[in-house]
C-alpha atoms as a PDB file:
ATOM      1  CA  MET A   1       0.075   0.135   0.150  1.00  0.00           C
ATOM      2  CA  CYS A   2       1.371   3.549  -0.566  1.00  0.00           C
ATOM      3  CA  ALA A   3       2.299   5.784   1.800  1.00  0.00           C
ATOM      4  CA  LEU A   4       2.256   9.355   0.237  1.00  0.00           C
ATOM      5  CA  SER A   5       0.356  12.298   1.844  1.00  0.00           C
ATOM      6  CA  GLU A   6      -2.789  13.386   0.777  1.00  0.00           C
ATOM      7  CA  GLU A   7      -0.410  17.442  -0.500  1.00  0.00           C
ATOM      8  CA  THR A   8       1.658  14.712  -2.321  1.00  0.00           C
ATOM      9  CA  VAL A   9      -1.549  12.440  -3.898  1.00  0.00           C
ATOM     10  CA  VAL A  10      -3.219  15.763  -4.767  1.00  0.00           C
ATOM     11  CA  LYS A  11      -0.169  17.695  -6.510  1.00  0.00           C
ATOM     12  CA  MET A  12       0.188  13.938  -8.335  1.00  0.00           C
ATOM     13  CA  TYR A  13      -3.239  14.656  -9.847  1.00  0.00           C
ATOM     14  CA  LYS A  14      -3.353  18.536 -10.656  1.00  0.00           C
ATOM     15  CA  VAL A  15       0.162  18.026 -12.485  1.00  0.00           C
ATOM     16  CA  MET A  16      -1.259  14.993 -14.674  1.00  0.00           C
ATOM     17  CA  THR A  17      -4.174  16.872 -15.830  1.00  0.00           C
ATOM     18  CA  GLN A  18      -2.422  19.832 -16.029  1.00  0.00           C
ATOM     19  CA  LEU A  19      -0.553  18.132 -18.474  1.00  0.00           C
ATOM     20  CA  ASN A  20      -3.556  16.784 -20.283  1.00  0.00           C
ATOM     21  CA  SER A  21      -4.965  20.097 -20.333  1.00  0.00           C
ATOM     22  CA  MET A  22      -1.381  21.423 -22.149  1.00  0.00           C
ATOM     23  CA  ASP A  23      -1.780  18.984 -24.235  1.00  0.00           C
ATOM     24  CA  ARG A  24      -5.049  19.551 -25.355  1.00  0.00           C
ATOM     25  CA  ILE A  25      -4.445  22.814 -26.065  1.00  0.00           C
ATOM     26  CA  MET A  26      -0.866  22.807 -27.794  1.00  0.00           C
ATOM     27  CA  TYR A  27      -2.378  19.852 -29.908  1.00  0.00           C
ATOM     28  CA  GLU A  28      -5.150  22.348 -31.438  1.00  0.00           C
ATOM     29  CA  SER A  29      -2.781  25.135 -31.597  1.00  0.00           C
ATOM     30  CA  GLN A  30      -0.423  22.946 -33.775  1.00  0.00           C
ATOM     31  CA  ARG A  31      -3.589  22.157 -35.924  1.00  0.00           C
ATOM     32  CA  GLN A  32      -4.050  25.799 -36.153  1.00  0.00           C
ATOM     33  CA  GLY A  33      -1.341  26.342 -37.828  1.00  0.00           C
ATOM     34  CA  ARG A  34       0.018  28.176 -34.179  1.00  0.00           C
ATOM     35  CA  ILE A  35       3.113  26.128 -33.627  1.00  0.00           C
ATOM     36  CA  SER A  36       4.862  23.979 -35.879  1.00  0.00           C
ATOM     37  CA  PHE A  37       4.908  20.468 -34.147  1.00  0.00           C
ATOM     38  CA  TYR A  38       3.713  18.768 -31.486  1.00  0.00           C
ATOM     39  CA  MET A  39       3.772  15.668 -28.890  1.00  0.00           C
ATOM     40  CA  THR A  40       1.165  14.532 -26.739  1.00  0.00           C
ATOM     41  CA  ASN A  41       1.532  12.454 -23.931  1.00  0.00           C
ATOM     42  CA  PHE A  42      -2.630  10.938 -23.662  1.00  0.00           C
ATOM     43  CA  GLY A  43      -1.951   7.922 -21.300  1.00  0.00           C
ATOM     44  CA  GLU A  44       1.152   7.714 -20.330  1.00  0.00           C
ATOM     45  CA  GLU A  45       0.538  10.625 -17.085  1.00  0.00           C
ATOM     46  CA  GLY A  46       1.187   8.107 -14.706  1.00  0.00           C
ATOM     47  CA  THR A  47       4.325   7.067 -15.633  1.00  0.00           C
ATOM     48  CA  GLN A  48       5.525  10.433 -15.838  1.00  0.00           C
ATOM     49  CA  ILE A  49       4.450  11.485 -12.318  1.00  0.00           C
ATOM     50  CA  GLY A  50       4.944   8.243 -10.824  1.00  0.00           C
ATOM     51  CA  SER A  51       8.564   8.129 -11.697  1.00  0.00           C
ATOM     52  CA  ALA A  52       9.424  12.015 -11.342  1.00  0.00           C
ATOM     53  CA  ALA A  53       7.865  11.877  -7.564  1.00  0.00           C
ATOM     54  CA  ALA A  54       9.927   8.832  -6.685  1.00  0.00           C
ATOM     55  CA  LEU A  55      13.043  10.917  -7.522  1.00  0.00           C
ATOM     56  CA  SER A  56      15.186  13.356  -6.075  1.00  0.00           C
ATOM     57  CA  SER A  57      14.919  16.742  -7.350  1.00  0.00           C
ATOM     58  CA  GLU A  58      18.602  16.803  -8.191  1.00  0.00           C
ATOM     59  CA  ASP A  59      18.452  13.138 -10.015  1.00  0.00           C
ATOM     60  CA  LEU A  60      19.869  13.966 -13.453  1.00  0.00           C
ATOM     61  CA  ILE A  61      16.736  12.528 -16.497  1.00  0.00           C
ATOM     62  CA  PHE A  62      17.690  12.220 -19.912  1.00  0.00           C
ATOM     63  CA  GLY A  63      14.519  11.937 -21.290  1.00  0.00           C
ATOM     64  CA  GLN A  64      13.321  10.755 -24.957  1.00  0.00           C
ATOM     65  CA  TYR A  65      10.257  13.155 -25.638  1.00  0.00           C
ATOM     66  CA  ARG A  66       7.354  12.099 -23.928  1.00  0.00           C
ATOM     67  CA  GLU A  67       8.480  13.137 -20.549  1.00  0.00           C
ATOM     68  CA  ALA A  68       6.787  16.836 -19.833  1.00  0.00           C
ATOM     69  CA  GLY A  69       5.207  15.618 -16.935  1.00  0.00           C
ATOM     70  CA  THR A  70       8.138  15.274 -15.132  1.00  0.00           C
ATOM     71  CA  LEU A  71       9.314  18.345 -15.955  1.00  0.00           C
ATOM     72  CA  LEU A  72       5.791  19.553 -14.652  1.00  0.00           C
ATOM     73  CA  TRP A  73       6.689  17.902 -11.593  1.00  0.00           C
ATOM     74  CA  ARG A  74       9.595  19.936 -11.228  1.00  0.00           C
ATOM     75  CA  GLY A  75       8.021  22.904 -11.286  1.00  0.00           C
ATOM     76  CA  PHE A  76       9.001  24.362 -14.751  1.00  0.00           C
ATOM     77  CA  SER A  77       6.428  26.660 -15.498  1.00  0.00           C
ATOM     78  CA  LEU A  78       3.917  27.007 -17.961  1.00  0.00           C
ATOM     79  CA  ASP A  79       5.214  29.920 -19.534  1.00  0.00           C
ATOM     80  CA  GLN A  80       8.531  27.884 -20.220  1.00  0.00           C
ATOM     81  CA  PHE A  81       7.001  24.982 -21.704  1.00  0.00           C
ATOM     82  CA  MET A  82       4.648  27.696 -24.209  1.00  0.00           C
ATOM     83  CA  ASN A  83       7.794  29.546 -24.601  1.00  0.00           C
ATOM     84  CA  GLN A  84       9.954  26.161 -26.029  1.00  0.00           C
ATOM     85  CA  CYS A  85       6.706  25.252 -28.347  1.00  0.00           C
ATOM     86  CA  TYR A  86       6.705  28.894 -29.706  1.00  0.00           C
ATOM     87  CA  GLY A  87      10.275  29.316 -30.177  1.00  0.00           C
ATOM     88  CA  ASN A  88      10.156  32.965 -28.520  1.00  0.00           C
ATOM     89  CA  CYS A  89      12.646  35.240 -27.497  1.00  0.00           C
ATOM     90  CA  GLU A  90      12.445  33.977 -24.024  1.00  0.00           C
ATOM     91  CA  ASP A  91      12.645  29.943 -24.941  1.00  0.00           C
ATOM     92  CA  LEU A  92      15.961  28.983 -23.077  1.00  0.00           C
ATOM     93  CA  GLY A  93      17.162  26.796 -26.453  1.00  0.00           C
ATOM     94  CA  LYS A  94      16.507  30.214 -28.161  1.00  0.00           C
ATOM     95  CA  GLY A  95      14.473  29.024 -30.970  1.00  0.00           C
ATOM     96  CA  ARG A  96      16.882  26.705 -32.127  1.00  0.00           C
ATOM     97  CA  GLN A  97      15.355  23.224 -31.097  1.00  0.00           C
ATOM     98  CA  MET A  98      11.659  21.597 -32.350  1.00  0.00           C
ATOM     99  CA  PRO A  99       8.964  21.842 -30.005  1.00  0.00           C
ATOM    100  CA  VAL A 100       8.679  19.616 -26.682  1.00  0.00           C
ATOM    101  CA  CYS A 101      12.604  19.609 -26.981  1.00  0.00           C
ATOM    102  CA  TYR A 102      12.578  20.797 -23.407  1.00  0.00           C
ATOM    103  CA  GLY A 103      15.421  21.056 -21.440  1.00  0.00           C
ATOM    104  CA  SER A 104      16.561  22.865 -17.984  1.00  0.00           C
ATOM    105  CA  LYS A 105      19.683  22.883 -16.209  1.00  0.00           C
ATOM    106  CA  GLY A 106      18.175  24.248 -13.227  1.00  0.00           C
ATOM    107  CA  LEU A 107      15.735  21.541 -12.627  1.00  0.00           C
ATOM    108  CA  SER A 108      18.534  18.673 -13.796  1.00  0.00           C
ATOM    109  CA  PHE A 109      16.600  17.800 -17.104  1.00  0.00           C
ATOM    110  CA  VAL A 110      18.804  17.308 -19.916  1.00  0.00           C
ATOM    111  CA  THR A 111      18.040  18.400 -23.288  1.00  0.00           C
ATOM    112  CA  ILE A 112      15.629  16.567 -25.254  1.00  0.00           C
ATOM    113  CA  SER A 113      17.451  15.756 -28.707  1.00  0.00           C
ATOM    114  CA  SER A 114      14.967  14.046 -31.833  1.00  0.00           C
ATOM    115  CA  PRO A 115      17.562  11.096 -32.987  1.00  0.00           C
ATOM    116  CA  LEU A 116      16.156   8.142 -30.890  1.00  0.00           C
ATOM    117  CA  GLY A 117      18.127   6.353 -28.564  1.00  0.00           C
ATOM    118  CA  THR A 118      21.170   9.089 -28.345  1.00  0.00           C
ATOM    119  CA  GLN A 119      20.125   9.760 -24.364  1.00  0.00           C
ATOM    120  CA  MET A 120      20.942   6.231 -23.381  1.00  0.00           C
ATOM    121  CA  PRO A 121      25.122   6.135 -23.530  1.00  0.00           C
ATOM    122  CA  GLN A 122      25.344   9.337 -21.957  1.00  0.00           C
ATOM    123  CA  ALA A 123      23.055   8.466 -19.353  1.00  0.00           C
ATOM    124  CA  SER A 124      25.238   5.632 -18.761  1.00  0.00           C
ATOM    125  CA  GLY A 125      28.650   8.020 -19.062  1.00  0.00           C
ATOM    126  CA  ALA A 126      26.646  10.680 -16.819  1.00  0.00           C
ATOM    127  CA  ALA A 127      25.684   8.105 -14.376  1.00  0.00           C
ATOM    128  CA  TYR A 128      29.438   6.955 -14.240  1.00  0.00           C
ATOM    129  CA  ALA A 129      30.277  10.353 -13.409  1.00  0.00           C
ATOM    130  CA  PHE A 130      28.181  10.073 -10.787  1.00  0.00           C
ATOM    131  CA  LYS A 131      29.683   7.207  -9.390  1.00  0.00           C
ATOM    132  CA  ARG A 132      33.032   8.492  -9.624  1.00  0.00           C
ATOM    133  CA  GLN A 133      32.195  11.146  -8.090  1.00  0.00           C
ATOM    134  CA  LYS A 134      30.598   9.760  -4.841  1.00  0.00           C
ATOM    135  CA  ASN A 135      27.923  12.551  -4.688  1.00  0.00           C
ATOM    136  CA  GLY A 136      24.295  10.170  -3.831  1.00  0.00           C
ATOM    137  CA  LEU A 137      22.491  10.425  -7.007  1.00  0.00           C
ATOM    138  CA  CYS A 138      21.374   8.836  -9.173  1.00  0.00           C
ATOM    139  CA  VAL A 139      20.458   8.933 -13.045  1.00  0.00           C
ATOM    140  CA  ILE A 140      17.206   8.097 -15.092  1.00  0.00           C
ATOM    141  CA  CYS A 141      17.016   7.680 -18.683  1.00  0.00           C
ATOM    142  CA  TYR A 142      13.457   7.219 -20.190  1.00  0.00           C
ATOM    143  CA  PHE A 143      12.997   5.348 -23.696  1.00  0.00           C
ATOM    144  CA  GLY A 144      10.393   3.620 -25.582  1.00  0.00           C
ATOM    145  CA  GLU A 145       9.912   0.069 -26.706  1.00  0.00           C
ATOM    146  CA  GLY A 146      10.918   1.120 -30.138  1.00  0.00           C
ATOM    147  CA  THR A 147      13.839   2.938 -29.021  1.00  0.00           C
ATOM    148  CA  SER A 148      15.487   0.141 -27.125  1.00  0.00           C
ATOM    149  CA  SER A 149      15.850  -1.934 -30.721  1.00  0.00           C
ATOM    150  CA  GLU A 150      18.435   0.604 -31.563  1.00  0.00           C
ATOM    151  CA  GLY A 151      21.797  -0.054 -31.242  1.00  0.00           C
ATOM    152  CA  ASP A 152      22.534   2.588 -28.843  1.00  0.00           C
ATOM    153  CA  ALA A 153      20.070   0.829 -26.454  1.00  0.00           C
ATOM    154  CA  HIS A 154      22.398  -2.148 -26.390  1.00  0.00           C
ATOM    155  CA  ALA A 155      25.637  -0.111 -25.599  1.00  0.00           C
ATOM    156  CA  ALA A 156      23.703   1.872 -22.960  1.00  0.00           C
ATOM    157  CA  LEU A 157      22.524  -0.966 -21.363  1.00  0.00           C
ATOM    158  CA  ASN A 158      26.006  -3.096 -21.174  1.00  0.00           C
ATOM    159  CA  PHE A 159      28.273  -0.163 -20.179  1.00  0.00           C
ATOM    160  CA  ALA A 160      25.927   0.805 -17.496  1.00  0.00           C
ATOM    161  CA  ALA A 161      25.929  -3.262 -16.406  1.00  0.00           C
ATOM    162  CA  THR A 162      29.911  -3.794 -16.741  1.00  0.00           C
ATOM    163  CA  LEU A 163      30.990  -0.358 -15.222  1.00  0.00           C
ATOM    164  CA  GLU A 164      28.129  -0.983 -12.335  1.00  0.00           C
ATOM    165  CA  CYS A 165      26.530   2.646 -13.142  1.00  0.00           C
ATOM    166  CA  PRO A 166      23.878   4.135 -10.858  1.00  0.00           C
ATOM    167  CA  VAL A 167      21.114   4.531 -13.553  1.00  0.00           C
ATOM    168  CA  ILE A 168      17.527   3.730 -13.887  1.00  0.00           C
ATOM    169  CA  PHE A 169      16.768   2.596 -17.872  1.00  0.00           C
ATOM    170  CA  PHE A 170      12.860   3.542 -18.128  1.00  0.00           C
ATOM    171  CA  CYS A 171      11.167   2.041 -20.521  1.00  0.00           C
ATOM    172  CA  ARG A 172       7.626   3.554 -21.464  1.00  0.00           C
ATOM    173  CA  ASN A 173       6.183   0.109 -23.305  1.00  0.00           C
ATOM    174  CA  ASN A 174       3.336   1.742 -24.735  1.00  0.00           C
ATOM    175  CA  GLY A 175       2.312  -0.954 -27.257  1.00  0.00           C
ATOM    176  CA  TYR A 176       3.278   1.330 -30.349  1.00  0.00           C
ATOM    177  CA  ALA A 177       6.589   2.334 -32.202  1.00  0.00           C
ATOM    178  CA  ILE A 178       4.964   4.935 -34.316  1.00  0.00           C
ATOM    179  CA  SER A 179       3.434   2.821 -36.452  1.00  0.00           C
ATOM    180  CA  THR A 180       5.302  -0.206 -34.840  1.00  0.00           C
ATOM    181  CA  PRO A 181       2.798  -2.582 -33.047  1.00  0.00           C
ATOM    182  CA  SER A 182       5.045  -3.869 -29.674  1.00  0.00           C
ATOM    183  CA  ARG A 183       4.277  -7.483 -31.747  1.00  0.00           C
ATOM    184  CA  GLU A 184       6.497  -6.681 -34.364  1.00  0.00           C
ATOM    185  CA  GLN A 185       8.681  -4.939 -32.598  1.00  0.00           C
ATOM    186  CA  TYR A 186      10.440  -7.948 -31.196  1.00  0.00           C
ATOM    187  CA  LYS A 187       9.988 -11.807 -30.466  1.00  0.00           C
ATOM    188  CA  GLY A 188      10.414 -11.997 -26.833  1.00  0.00           C
ATOM    189  CA  ASP A 189       9.414 -11.279 -23.806  1.00  0.00           C
ATOM    190  CA  GLY A 190       9.342  -7.342 -24.168  1.00  0.00           C
ATOM    191  CA  VAL A 191      11.904  -5.544 -23.108  1.00  0.00           C
ATOM    192  CA  ALA A 192      12.398  -6.646 -19.023  1.00  0.00           C
ATOM    193  CA  GLY A 193      13.115  -9.957 -20.851  1.00  0.00           C
ATOM    194  CA  ARG A 194      16.581  -8.748 -21.816  1.00  0.00           C
ATOM    195  CA  GLY A 195      17.396  -7.034 -18.638  1.00  0.00           C
ATOM    196  CA  PRO A 196      18.821 -10.294 -17.066  1.00  0.00           C
ATOM    197  CA  ALA A 197      21.096 -10.933 -19.694  1.00  0.00           C
ATOM    198  CA  TYR A 198      22.785  -8.105 -18.804  1.00  0.00           C
ATOM    199  CA  GLY A 199      23.240  -8.853 -15.781  1.00  0.00           C
ATOM    200  CA  ILE A 200      20.887  -6.013 -14.506  1.00  0.00           C
ATOM    201  CA  HIS A 201      18.325  -5.613 -11.930  1.00  0.00           C
ATOM    202  CA  THR A 202      14.965  -5.877 -13.839  1.00  0.00           C
ATOM    203  CA  ILE A 203      10.995  -4.872 -13.306  1.00  0.00           C
ATOM    204  CA  ARG A 204       7.810  -4.699 -14.626  1.00  0.00           C
ATOM    205  CA  VAL A 205       4.934  -2.386 -13.628  1.00  0.00           C
ATOM    206  CA  ASP A 206       1.886  -1.595 -14.219  1.00  0.00           C
ATOM    207  CA  GLY A 207       2.300   1.630 -16.103  1.00  0.00           C
ATOM    208  CA  ASN A 208      -0.978   3.144 -15.354  1.00  0.00           C
ATOM    209  CA  ASP A 209      -0.886   2.732 -11.373  1.00  0.00           C
ATOM    210  CA  VAL A 210       0.932   6.200 -10.436  1.00  0.00           C
ATOM    211  CA  PHE A 211       1.398   4.674  -7.394  1.00  0.00           C
ATOM    212  CA  ALA A 212       3.588   1.341  -8.609  1.00  0.00           C
ATOM    213  CA  ILE A 213       5.234   3.385 -10.748  1.00  0.00           C
ATOM    214  CA  TYR A 214       6.193   5.342  -7.513  1.00  0.00           C
ATOM    215  CA  ASN A 215       7.243   2.577  -5.015  1.00  0.00           C
ATOM    216  CA  ALA A 216       9.480   0.782  -8.291  1.00  0.00           C
ATOM    217  CA  THR A 217      11.024   4.254  -9.541  1.00  0.00           C
ATOM    218  CA  LYS A 218      12.373   4.494  -5.586  1.00  0.00           C
ATOM    219  CA  ALA A 219      12.733   0.617  -4.929  1.00  0.00           C
ATOM    220  CA  ALA A 220      15.162   1.060  -8.447  1.00  0.00           C
ATOM    221  CA  ARG A 221      16.680   4.454  -7.178  1.00  0.00           C
ATOM    222  CA  ASP A 222      17.654   2.891  -3.844  1.00  0.00           C
ATOM    223  CA  ILE A 223      19.027  -0.454  -5.203  1.00  0.00           C
ATOM    224  CA  CYS A 224      21.260   2.465  -7.780  1.00  0.00           C
ATOM    225  CA  VAL A 225      22.204   4.920  -4.553  1.00  0.00           C
ATOM    226  CA  SER A 226      23.606   2.002  -2.320  1.00  0.00           C
ATOM    227  CA  GLU A 227      24.839  -0.377  -4.386  1.00  0.00           C
ATOM    228  CA  ASN A 228      26.089   1.244  -7.470  1.00  0.00           C
ATOM    229  CA  LYS A 229      24.291  -0.761 -10.532  1.00  0.00           C
ATOM    230  CA  PRO A 230      21.596  -0.087 -12.696  1.00  0.00           C
ATOM    231  CA  VAL A 231      18.100  -1.296 -13.088  1.00  0.00           C
ATOM    232  CA  LEU A 232      15.796  -1.628 -15.807  1.00  0.00           C
ATOM    233  CA  LEU A 233      12.489  -1.019 -14.961  1.00  0.00           C
ATOM    234  CA  GLU A 234       9.757  -1.194 -17.900  1.00  0.00           C
ATOM    235  CA  ALA A 235       6.473   0.306 -17.752  1.00  0.00           C
ATOM    236  CA  MET A 236       3.269  -1.214 -19.246  1.00  0.00           C
ATOM    237  CA  THR A 237       1.553   1.175 -20.773  1.00  0.00           C
ATOM    238  CA  TYR A 238      -0.747   2.384 -23.792  1.00  0.00           C
ATOM    239  CA  ARG A 239      -0.272   5.513 -25.836  1.00  0.00           C
ATOM    240  CA  LEU A 240      -3.884   7.187 -26.214  1.00  0.00           C
ATOM    241  CA  GLY A 241      -3.033  10.181 -28.882  1.00  0.00           C
ATOM    242  CA  HIS A 242      -1.286  10.013 -32.293  1.00  0.00           C
ATOM    243  CA  HIS A 243       2.739   9.788 -32.013  1.00  0.00           C
ATOM    244  CA  SER A 244       2.696  13.055 -33.048  1.00  0.00           C
ATOM    245  CA  THR A 245       0.760  15.774 -34.717  1.00  0.00           C
ATOM    246  CA  SER A 246       2.543  14.615 -37.634  1.00  0.00           C
ATOM    247  CA  ASP A 247       0.572  10.859 -37.222  1.00  0.00           C
ATOM    248  CA  ASP A 248      -2.426   9.866 -37.948  1.00  0.00           C
ATOM    249  CA  SER A 249      -2.844   6.424 -35.925  1.00  0.00           C
ATOM    250  CA  THR A 250      -6.268   5.713 -37.251  1.00  0.00           C
ATOM    251  CA  ALA A 251      -4.439   4.349 -40.153  1.00  0.00           C
ATOM    252  CA  TYR A 252      -2.567   1.729 -38.075  1.00  0.00           C
ATOM    253  CA  ARG A 253      -4.864   1.009 -34.879  1.00  0.00           C
ATOM    254  CA  SER A 254      -9.164   1.148 -34.396  1.00  0.00           C
ATOM    255  CA  ILE A 255     -10.787   4.076 -32.850  1.00  0.00           C
ATOM    256  CA  ASP A 256     -12.618   0.882 -30.740  1.00  0.00           C
ATOM    257  CA  GLU A 257      -8.726  -0.140 -29.550  1.00  0.00           C
ATOM    258  CA  VAL A 258      -8.251   3.432 -27.885  1.00  0.00           C
ATOM    259  CA  ARG A 259     -11.656   3.808 -26.472  1.00  0.00           C
ATOM    260  CA  TYR A 260     -10.917   0.370 -25.078  1.00  0.00           C
ATOM    261  CA  TRP A 261      -7.893   1.233 -23.175  1.00  0.00           C
ATOM    262  CA  ASP A 262      -9.199   4.878 -22.644  1.00  0.00           C
ATOM    263  CA  GLU A 263     -12.647   3.442 -20.592  1.00  0.00           C
ATOM    264  CA  ARG A 264     -10.978   0.587 -18.784  1.00  0.00           C
ATOM    265  CA  ASP A 265      -7.096   1.957 -17.728  1.00  0.00           C
ATOM    266  CA  SER A 266      -7.051   5.965 -17.596  1.00  0.00           C
ATOM    267  CA  PRO A 267      -3.942   6.505 -15.144  1.00  0.00           C
ATOM    268  CA  ILE A 268      -6.098   9.954 -14.474  1.00  0.00           C
ATOM    269  CA  ALA A 269      -9.026   8.236 -13.975  1.00  0.00           C
ATOM    270  CA  ARG A 270      -7.652   5.802 -12.085  1.00  0.00           C
ATOM    271  CA  LEU A 271      -5.921   8.335  -9.245  1.00  0.00           C
ATOM    272  CA  ARG A 272      -8.898  10.138  -9.136  1.00  0.00           C
ATOM    273  CA  TYR A 273     -11.072   7.030  -7.869  1.00  0.00           C
ATOM    274  CA  TYR A 274      -8.571   6.495  -5.242  1.00  0.00           C
ATOM    275  CA  LEU A 275      -8.363  10.398  -3.959  1.00  0.00           C
ATOM    276  CA  VAL A 276     -12.699  10.399  -4.059  1.00  0.00           C
ATOM    277  CA  SER A 277     -11.788   7.133  -1.996  1.00  0.00           C
ATOM    278  CA  LYS A 278     -10.078   8.841   0.761  1.00  0.00           C
ATOM    279  CA  GLY A 279     -12.305  11.958   0.832  1.00  0.00           C
ATOM    280  CA  TRP A 280      -9.466  14.244  -0.586  1.00  0.00           C
ATOM    281  CA  TRP A 281     -11.584  15.295  -4.099  1.00  0.00           C
ATOM    282  CA  ASP A 282     -14.852  15.917  -4.704  1.00  0.00           C
ATOM    283  CA  ASP A 283     -16.789  16.979  -7.683  1.00  0.00           C
ATOM    284  CA  ALA A 284     -16.725  20.268  -6.413  1.00  0.00           C
ATOM    285  CA  LYS A 285     -12.800  20.578  -5.803  1.00  0.00           C
ATOM    286  CA  GLU A 286     -12.560  18.901  -9.841  1.00  0.00           C
ATOM    287  CA  LYS A 287     -14.579  22.178 -11.332  1.00  0.00           C
ATOM    288  CA  VAL A 288     -12.755  24.237  -9.452  1.00  0.00           C
ATOM    289  CA  TRP A 289      -9.651  22.975 -10.282  1.00  0.00           C
ATOM    290  CA  LYS A 290     -10.483  22.244 -14.378  1.00  0.00           C
ATOM    291  CA  GLU A 291     -11.744  25.977 -15.144  1.00  0.00           C
ATOM    292  CA  GLN A 292      -8.633  27.397 -13.045  1.00  0.00           C
ATOM    293  CA  ASN A 293      -6.101  24.784 -15.229  1.00  0.00           C
ATOM    294  CA  GLU A 294      -7.181  25.349 -17.913  1.00  0.00           C
ATOM    295  CA  LYS A 295      -7.225  29.634 -17.824  1.00  0.00           C
ATOM    296  CA  GLU A 296      -4.269  29.253 -17.118  1.00  0.00           C
ATOM    297  CA  VAL A 297      -2.571  27.207 -20.062  1.00  0.00           C
ATOM    298  CA  LEU A 298      -4.766  29.487 -22.194  1.00  0.00           C
ATOM    299  CA  GLN A 299      -3.297  32.361 -20.489  1.00  0.00           C
ATOM    300  CA  ALA A 300       0.272  30.708 -20.753  1.00  0.00           C
ATOM    301  CA  SER A 301      -0.258  30.041 -24.378  1.00  0.00           C
ATOM    302  CA  ALA A 302      -1.279  34.067 -25.530  1.00  0.00           C
ATOM    303  CA  ARG A 303       1.581  35.279 -23.272  1.00  0.00           C
ATOM    304  CA  ALA A 304       4.192  33.188 -25.381  1.00  0.00           C
ATOM    305  CA  GLU A 305       2.541  33.599 -29.017  1.00  0.00           C
ATOM    306  CA  LYS A 306       2.789  37.443 -28.447  1.00  0.00           C
ATOM    307  CA  LYS A 307       6.262  37.194 -27.716  1.00  0.00           C
ATOM    308  CA  LEU A 308       9.498  38.139 -30.586  1.00  0.00           C
ATOM    309  CA  LYS A 309      11.286  35.226 -31.987  1.00  0.00           C
ATOM    310  CA  PRO A 310      14.560  35.127 -31.076  1.00  0.00           C
ATOM    311  CA  ASN A 311      17.217  38.037 -32.945  1.00  0.00           C
ATOM    312  CA  TRP A 312      18.933  35.664 -35.698  1.00  0.00           C
ATOM    313  CA  THR A 313      22.076  37.593 -35.153  1.00  0.00           C
ATOM    314  CA  GLU A 314      22.425  35.543 -31.841  1.00  0.00           C
ATOM    315  CA  LEU A 315      21.858  32.013 -33.894  1.00  0.00           C
ATOM    316  CA  PHE A 316      25.606  30.887 -33.287  1.00  0.00           C
ATOM    317  CA  LYS A 317      26.034  32.946 -29.582  1.00  0.00           C
ATOM    318  CA  ASP A 318      26.858  30.630 -26.659  1.00  0.00           C
ATOM    319  CA  LEU A 319      27.240  28.065 -29.235  1.00  0.00           C
ATOM    320  CA  TYR A 320      30.920  28.157 -28.846  1.00  0.00           C
ATOM    321  CA  HIS A 321      33.621  28.683 -26.448  1.00  0.00           C
ATOM    322  CA  ASP A 322      35.980  30.279 -28.996  1.00  0.00           C
ATOM    323  CA  MET A 323      34.047  31.509 -31.919  1.00  0.00           C
ATOM    324  CA  PRO A 324      35.278  29.845 -35.154  1.00  0.00           C
ATOM    325  CA  GLN A 325      37.290  32.702 -37.052  1.00  0.00           C
ATOM    326  CA  HIS A 326      34.899  32.438 -40.354  1.00  0.00           C
ATOM    327  CA  LEU A 327      31.526  33.085 -38.078  1.00  0.00           C
ATOM    328  CA  SER A 328      33.698  35.777 -36.180  1.00  0.00           C
ATOM    329  CA  LEU A 329      34.234  37.261 -39.845  1.00  0.00           C
ATOM    330  CA  ALA A 330      30.872  36.822 -40.722  1.00  0.00           C
ATOM    331  CA  ARG A 331      29.466  38.764 -37.327  1.00  0.00           C
ATOM    332  CA  LYS A 332      31.047  41.669 -39.054  1.00  0.00           C
ATOM    333  CA  PHE A 333      28.713  41.695 -42.046  1.00  0.00           C
ATOM    334  CA  TRP A 334      25.298  41.188 -39.560  1.00  0.00           C
END
């Protein structure tokens, strides 16, 4: 039984539902041509919030691209999310990244890069550095079951195992790698089945149960920090939304299938049932929070959209320690 406080569980619910609202509004913004691209987190809110809540705020996060909830949990503001998606002058990345490629040094979240799997060996290296520093922290690296087919996944798992690095490899197995269903991605027993072959402690957990995710991640972190060993955690969940705004999932799965998972196993609905059963939530609180939540997201989006784009003359600023000569010469003509 999860022994979390009312305050913590209510925060979990509010962050999950705020992420859901942000996804819905930003997805519609992309469809209206106001931003260029977006990826939703529908159905996978529990994996992100449950795991983020179990970590130390200083543990280093390597995301893949569907981990906005972990940043929201740590305090990344709605304005910061919107500034990044609109690529305006207040975007921390100065408009150089695709939308949803968030990053925050202050919140120990490494900037997301679009290519699949590149974050995995980087996470192993960062964890090895943590081990040498003896700082009592761990690294968590998120990836999808499709990414587990990349060569970088093998390199990362093997390095982490042989060098005994304090890193949690968190696999979000949501059933689809874009349009490729998991049954065509591998013939073995998912991703967890590979852990023992690398000599890595492994657990598979219900990804739509936020408490199961919290407890599994907390236990994994304890192993990482106390034993300096990696852990592979496979969270079984379901991607309710399209892979991205560039995808139409109705081309490869039925609407009935999506509706079945939404009605049967929504992580948000499951957590709300728990809150109501404990007397910590009711319809009145839901109504107030829903109105406040949507208003905050819409206002942040409106503010970000009105801000200017970054000045193009700063395109190469802070990319180099020493500006290359040809760029220094070119700047004279800007």
